[in-house]
Amino acid sequence: MAETKQENWFKRTFQSIGKWFRGMKSELKKVVWPSWSQLVNNTVVVIVISLIVSVIVGVFDFVAAKGIEALLSLIG
């Protein structure tokens, strides 16, 4: 039976790692970075939306806690 010579495991591994880094480098060249004003604008939007969501969750939590308190007071 003829045996096919397989490449060294280390050589294959390091070649695939190198290929991955080359691909990552080429993809990063395609990235369009935001301008400073876009960055500030997006940051403000994220902070405002986070505050709005936290208020909504807080109100829901408060209402749910009061509802559970009311149900428990009816039982006990």
N, C-alpha and C. Protein backbone atom coordinates (compact mmCIF):
# COMPACT_ATOMS: atom_id res chain seq x y z
N MET A 1 0.84 -1.17 0.00
CA MET A 1 0.00 0.00 0.00
C MET A 1 0.88 1.24 0.00
N ALA A 2 0.57 2.15 -0.85
CA ALA A 2 1.36 3.38 -0.93
C ALA A 2 0.88 4.35 0.13
N GLU A 3 1.81 4.85 0.91
CA GLU A 3 1.46 5.81 1.95
C GLU A 3 1.67 7.22 1.42
N THR A 4 0.71 8.08 1.71
CA THR A 4 0.88 9.48 1.33
C THR A 4 1.53 10.19 2.50
N LYS A 5 2.52 10.97 2.20
CA LYS A 5 3.23 11.68 3.25
C LYS A 5 2.40 12.88 3.67
N GLN A 6 2.04 12.91 4.95
CA GLN A 6 1.24 14.00 5.48
C GLN A 6 2.18 15.04 6.09
N GLU A 7 1.81 16.32 5.90
CA GLU A 7 2.65 17.38 6.45
C GLU A 7 2.67 17.30 7.97
N ASN A 8 3.70 17.86 8.52
CA ASN A 8 3.86 17.92 9.96
C ASN A 8 2.68 18.69 10.57
N TRP A 9 2.17 18.21 11.71
CA TRP A 9 1.03 18.85 12.38
C TRP A 9 1.34 20.29 12.73
N PHE A 10 2.56 20.55 13.24
CA PHE A 10 2.94 21.91 13.61
C PHE A 10 2.97 22.83 12.39
N LYS A 11 3.47 22.33 11.29
CA LYS A 11 3.55 23.13 10.07
C LYS A 11 2.14 23.48 9.59
N ARG A 12 1.24 22.50 9.57
CA ARG A 12 -0.14 22.75 9.14
C ARG A 12 -0.83 23.75 10.07
N THR A 13 -0.61 23.59 11.37
CA THR A 13 -1.26 24.46 12.34
C THR A 13 -0.79 25.90 12.19
N PHE A 14 0.53 26.09 12.10
CA PHE A 14 1.06 27.44 11.99
C PHE A 14 0.72 28.06 10.63
N GLN A 15 0.61 27.26 9.60
CA GLN A 15 0.19 27.80 8.30
C GLN A 15 -1.26 28.27 8.37
N SER A 16 -2.12 27.52 9.05
CA SER A 16 -3.52 27.93 9.13
C SER A 16 -3.66 29.16 10.03
N ILE A 17 -2.86 29.26 11.08
CA ILE A 17 -2.89 30.46 11.93
C ILE A 17 -2.42 31.67 11.13
N GLY A 18 -1.35 31.50 10.36
CA GLY A 18 -0.85 32.60 9.52
C GLY A 18 -1.88 33.03 8.49
N LYS A 19 -2.57 32.05 7.89
CA LYS A 19 -3.61 32.36 6.91
C LYS A 19 -4.74 33.14 7.57
N TRP A 20 -5.11 32.77 8.80
CA TRP A 20 -6.16 33.46 9.52
C TRP A 20 -5.77 34.92 9.78
N PHE A 21 -4.52 35.15 10.22
CA PHE A 21 -4.07 36.52 10.49
C PHE A 21 -4.01 37.35 9.21
N ARG A 22 -3.59 36.75 8.10
CA ARG A 22 -3.56 37.48 6.83
C ARG A 22 -4.97 37.87 6.40
N GLY A 23 -5.92 36.95 6.58
CA GLY A 23 -7.31 37.25 6.26
C GLY A 23 -7.87 38.35 7.15
N MET A 24 -7.52 38.30 8.44
CA MET A 24 -7.99 39.33 9.36
C MET A 24 -7.42 40.69 8.99
N LYS A 25 -6.15 40.73 8.61
CA LYS A 25 -5.52 41.99 8.23
C LYS A 25 -6.20 42.57 6.98
N SER A 26 -6.50 41.73 6.02
CA SER A 26 -7.14 42.23 4.80
C SER A 26 -8.56 42.72 5.08
N GLU A 27 -9.27 42.07 6.00
CA GLU A 27 -10.62 42.52 6.35
C GLU A 27 -10.58 43.83 7.12
N LEU A 28 -9.59 44.02 7.98
CA LEU A 28 -9.49 45.26 8.73
C LEU A 28 -9.17 46.45 7.83
N LYS A 29 -8.55 46.20 6.69
CA LYS A 29 -8.30 47.30 5.74
C LYS A 29 -9.60 47.81 5.12
N LYS A 30 -10.64 46.98 5.13
CA LYS A 30 -11.92 47.36 4.54
C LYS A 30 -12.81 48.15 5.51
N VAL A 31 -12.43 48.20 6.78
CA VAL A 31 -13.26 48.85 7.79
C VAL A 31 -13.25 50.36 7.58
N VAL A 32 -14.44 50.96 7.66
CA VAL A 32 -14.56 52.42 7.57
C VAL A 32 -14.79 52.91 8.99
N TRP A 33 -13.80 53.59 9.55
CA TRP A 33 -13.90 54.06 10.92
C TRP A 33 -14.72 55.33 10.98
N PRO A 34 -15.54 55.52 12.03
CA PRO A 34 -16.38 56.72 12.12
C PRO A 34 -15.56 57.96 12.44
N SER A 35 -16.09 59.09 12.02
CA SER A 35 -15.43 60.36 12.36
C SER A 35 -15.68 60.64 13.84
N TRP A 36 -14.97 61.66 14.36
CA TRP A 36 -15.11 61.99 15.77
C TRP A 36 -16.55 62.41 16.10
N SER A 37 -17.17 63.20 15.22
CA SER A 37 -18.54 63.66 15.49
C SER A 37 -19.53 62.49 15.45
N GLN A 38 -19.33 61.55 14.53
CA GLN A 38 -20.19 60.37 14.49
C GLN A 38 -20.02 59.53 15.75
N LEU A 39 -18.78 59.42 16.21
CA LEU A 39 -18.50 58.66 17.41
C LEU A 39 -19.19 59.26 18.63
N VAL A 40 -19.08 60.58 18.77
CA VAL A 40 -19.72 61.26 19.89
C VAL A 40 -21.25 61.12 19.79
N ASN A 41 -21.79 61.31 18.60
CA ASN A 41 -23.23 61.20 18.40
C ASN A 41 -23.74 59.80 18.75
N ASN A 42 -23.05 58.78 18.27
CA ASN A 42 -23.46 57.40 18.55
C ASN A 42 -23.34 57.09 20.04
N THR A 43 -22.31 57.61 20.69
CA THR A 43 -22.14 57.38 22.12
C THR A 43 -23.29 58.01 22.91
N VAL A 44 -23.68 59.22 22.54
CA VAL A 44 -24.79 59.89 23.22
C VAL A 44 -26.08 59.10 23.00
N VAL A 45 -26.31 58.61 21.81
CA VAL A 45 -27.51 57.83 21.51
C VAL A 45 -27.54 56.57 22.38
N VAL A 46 -26.42 55.88 22.49
CA VAL A 46 -26.37 54.66 23.29
C VAL A 46 -26.65 54.96 24.76
N ILE A 47 -26.07 56.04 25.28
CA ILE A 47 -26.28 56.40 26.69
C ILE A 47 -27.75 56.75 26.94
N VAL A 48 -28.35 57.55 26.05
CA VAL A 48 -29.74 57.95 26.22
C VAL A 48 -30.67 56.73 26.16
N ILE A 49 -30.46 55.86 25.19
CA ILE A 49 -31.31 54.68 25.08
C ILE A 49 -31.13 53.76 26.29
N SER A 50 -29.91 53.66 26.79
CA SER A 50 -29.67 52.85 27.99
C SER A 50 -30.41 53.42 29.18
N LEU A 51 -30.42 54.73 29.32
CA LEU A 51 -31.15 55.36 30.43
C LEU A 51 -32.65 55.12 30.30
N ILE A 52 -33.18 55.26 29.09
CA ILE A 52 -34.61 55.04 28.87
C ILE A 52 -35.00 53.61 29.20
N VAL A 53 -34.20 52.64 28.74
CA VAL A 53 -34.50 51.24 29.02
C VAL A 53 -34.40 50.95 30.51
N SER A 54 -33.42 51.54 31.19
CA SER A 54 -33.29 51.30 32.63
C SER A 54 -34.48 51.88 33.39
N VAL A 55 -35.00 53.03 32.96
CA VAL A 55 -36.19 53.59 33.60
C VAL A 55 -37.39 52.68 33.37
N ILE A 56 -37.56 52.19 32.16
CA ILE A 56 -38.69 51.29 31.86
C ILE A 56 -38.60 50.02 32.70
N VAL A 57 -37.41 49.43 32.78
CA VAL A 57 -37.24 48.21 33.57
C VAL A 57 -37.47 48.51 35.05
N GLY A 58 -37.00 49.66 35.53
CA GLY A 58 -37.21 50.05 36.92
C GLY A 58 -38.68 50.22 37.25
N VAL A 59 -39.44 50.86 36.36
CA VAL A 59 -40.88 51.05 36.57
C VAL A 59 -41.57 49.69 36.58
N PHE A 60 -41.23 48.84 35.64
CA PHE A 60 -41.83 47.50 35.60
C PHE A 60 -41.52 46.73 36.88
N ASP A 61 -40.31 46.80 37.36
CA ASP A 61 -39.91 46.12 38.59
C ASP A 61 -40.71 46.65 39.78
N PHE A 62 -40.86 47.96 39.85
CA PHE A 62 -41.61 48.58 40.95
C PHE A 62 -43.06 48.13 40.93
N VAL A 63 -43.68 48.17 39.75
CA VAL A 63 -45.09 47.76 39.62
C VAL A 63 -45.25 46.27 39.95
N ALA A 64 -44.33 45.45 39.49
CA ALA A 64 -44.41 44.02 39.76
C ALA A 64 -44.25 43.75 41.26
N ALA A 65 -43.32 44.45 41.90
CA ALA A 65 -43.13 44.27 43.34
C ALA A 65 -44.37 44.68 44.12
N LYS A 66 -44.96 45.81 43.75
CA LYS A 66 -46.19 46.25 44.44
C LYS A 66 -47.34 45.28 44.17
N GLY A 67 -47.44 44.74 42.98
CA GLY A 67 -48.48 43.77 42.67
C GLY A 67 -48.32 42.50 43.49
N ILE A 68 -47.10 42.02 43.62
CA ILE A 68 -46.86 40.82 44.42
C ILE A 68 -47.15 41.11 45.89
N GLU A 69 -46.76 42.31 46.36
CA GLU A 69 -47.06 42.70 47.74
C GLU A 69 -48.57 42.69 47.97
N ALA A 70 -49.33 43.23 47.03
CA ALA A 70 -50.79 43.27 47.17
C ALA A 70 -51.37 41.87 47.20
N LEU A 71 -50.88 40.99 46.35
CA LEU A 71 -51.37 39.60 46.33
C LEU A 71 -51.04 38.90 47.65
N LEU A 72 -49.84 39.11 48.15
CA LEU A 72 -49.45 38.46 49.39
C LEU A 72 -50.24 39.01 50.58
N SER A 73 -50.61 40.28 50.53
CA SER A 73 -51.40 40.84 51.64
C SER A 73 -52.82 40.27 51.63
N LEU A 74 -53.34 39.89 50.47
CA LEU A 74 -54.66 39.26 50.40
C LEU A 74 -54.64 37.84 50.98
N ILE A 75 -53.53 37.16 50.80
CA ILE A 75 -53.40 35.78 51.29
C ILE A 75 -53.20 35.78 52.81
N GLY A 76 -52.31 36.62 53.28
CA GLY A 76 -51.92 36.55 54.69
C GLY A 76 -52.50 37.61 55.46
